[in-house]
């Protein structure tokens, strides 16, 4: 079993729902904005609920961008998530 950042990166980037290079293949990481990620989520999952867009596109992309910011490759980017409905309780 592989461990460490490299294994986690391969796991995230290898999944079909993590196309960070689809945001703008010719752009640098410093040029990616929150609106680009929202547009990507809407293009990839047009009929999905907001929770799915957050889980499959926004959170993985933002995780990679925050790691790049911690490494000094770009500025910290705050990306607001799509509004999710409150969970329904049984009680």
Protein backbone atom coordinates (compact mmCIF):
# COMPACT_ATOMS: atom_id res chain seq x y z
CA UNK A 1 0.00 0.00 0.00
CA UNK A 2 1.43 3.37 -1.01
CA UNK A 3 1.42 6.21 1.44
CA UNK A 4 2.33 9.85 1.45
CA UNK A 5 1.55 12.88 -0.62
CA UNK A 6 2.55 11.34 -3.95
CA UNK A 7 0.14 8.44 -3.47
CA UNK A 8 -2.66 10.78 -2.40
CA UNK A 9 -2.00 13.01 -5.41
CA UNK A 10 -2.13 10.02 -7.76
CA UNK A 11 -5.35 8.89 -6.13
CA UNK A 12 -6.99 12.32 -6.48
CA UNK A 13 -5.70 13.11 -9.96
CA UNK A 14 -6.36 9.61 -11.23
CA UNK A 15 -10.07 9.71 -10.50
CA UNK A 16 -12.39 10.57 -13.39
CA UNK A 17 -14.09 13.34 -11.40
CA UNK A 18 -10.89 15.35 -10.82
CA UNK A 19 -10.15 17.18 -14.07
CA UNK A 20 -8.32 20.25 -12.77
CA UNK A 21 -6.62 20.59 -16.14
CA UNK A 22 -10.07 21.08 -17.73
CA UNK A 23 -10.42 24.42 -15.94
CA UNK A 24 -7.97 26.01 -18.34
CA UNK A 25 -5.30 23.76 -19.81
CA UNK A 26 -3.15 26.64 -21.05
CA UNK A 27 -3.44 28.78 -17.91
CA UNK A 28 -1.10 28.91 -14.97
CA UNK A 29 -2.32 27.96 -11.51
CA UNK A 30 -2.18 31.62 -10.40
CA UNK A 31 -4.78 32.51 -13.03
CA UNK A 32 -7.47 30.08 -11.85
CA UNK A 33 -10.37 31.84 -10.13
CA UNK A 34 -13.40 30.65 -8.15
CA UNK A 35 -15.69 31.38 -11.10
CA UNK A 36 -13.62 29.00 -13.25
CA UNK A 37 -14.17 26.17 -10.77
CA UNK A 38 -17.90 26.88 -10.55
CA UNK A 39 -18.13 26.88 -14.33
CA UNK A 40 -16.25 23.58 -14.49
CA UNK A 41 -18.60 21.98 -11.93
CA UNK A 42 -21.63 23.13 -13.90
CA UNK A 43 -20.17 21.87 -17.19
CA UNK A 44 -19.23 18.44 -15.79
CA UNK A 45 -22.38 17.88 -13.74
CA UNK A 46 -25.20 19.96 -15.27
CA UNK A 47 -28.01 17.80 -13.86
CA UNK A 48 -26.45 16.99 -10.49
CA UNK A 49 -27.34 18.40 -7.11
CA UNK A 50 -25.10 21.03 -5.48
CA UNK A 51 -23.73 18.50 -2.98
CA UNK A 52 -22.45 16.34 -5.84
CA UNK A 53 -20.77 19.30 -7.51
CA UNK A 54 -19.10 20.24 -4.23
CA UNK A 55 -17.96 16.70 -3.51
CA UNK A 56 -16.76 15.71 -6.99
CA UNK A 57 -15.31 18.95 -8.33
CA UNK A 58 -14.93 21.84 -5.92
CA UNK A 59 -13.43 20.15 -2.87
CA UNK A 60 -10.74 18.19 -4.75
CA UNK A 61 -9.78 21.20 -6.88
CA UNK A 62 -9.66 23.52 -3.90
CA UNK A 63 -7.56 20.99 -1.98
CA UNK A 64 -4.95 21.00 -4.73
CA UNK A 65 -5.03 24.80 -4.98
CA UNK A 66 -4.58 25.16 -1.22
CA UNK A 67 -1.63 22.77 -1.29
CA UNK A 68 -0.10 24.89 -4.06
CA UNK A 69 -0.69 28.03 -1.97
CA UNK A 70 1.03 26.42 1.03
CA UNK A 71 3.98 25.63 -1.24
CA UNK A 72 4.14 29.27 -2.33
CA UNK A 73 3.09 28.62 -5.94
CA UNK A 74 0.01 30.86 -5.85
CA UNK A 75 -2.14 32.92 -3.51
CA UNK A 76 -4.72 31.34 -1.21
CA UNK A 77 -8.03 31.10 -3.03
CA UNK A 78 -11.30 30.99 -1.14
CA UNK A 79 -13.93 29.24 -3.25
CA UNK A 80 -17.51 29.37 -1.95
CA UNK A 81 -19.29 26.05 -2.24
CA UNK A 82 -22.65 25.53 -3.87
CA UNK A 83 -25.50 25.89 -1.39
CA UNK A 84 -26.53 22.47 -0.08
CA UNK A 85 -29.86 21.73 1.56
CA UNK A 86 -29.88 20.87 5.24
CA UNK A 87 -29.98 17.15 6.00
CA UNK A 88 -33.37 15.73 6.93
CA UNK A 89 -33.41 14.27 10.42
CA UNK A 90 -35.43 11.24 11.40
CA UNK A 91 -36.61 12.58 14.71
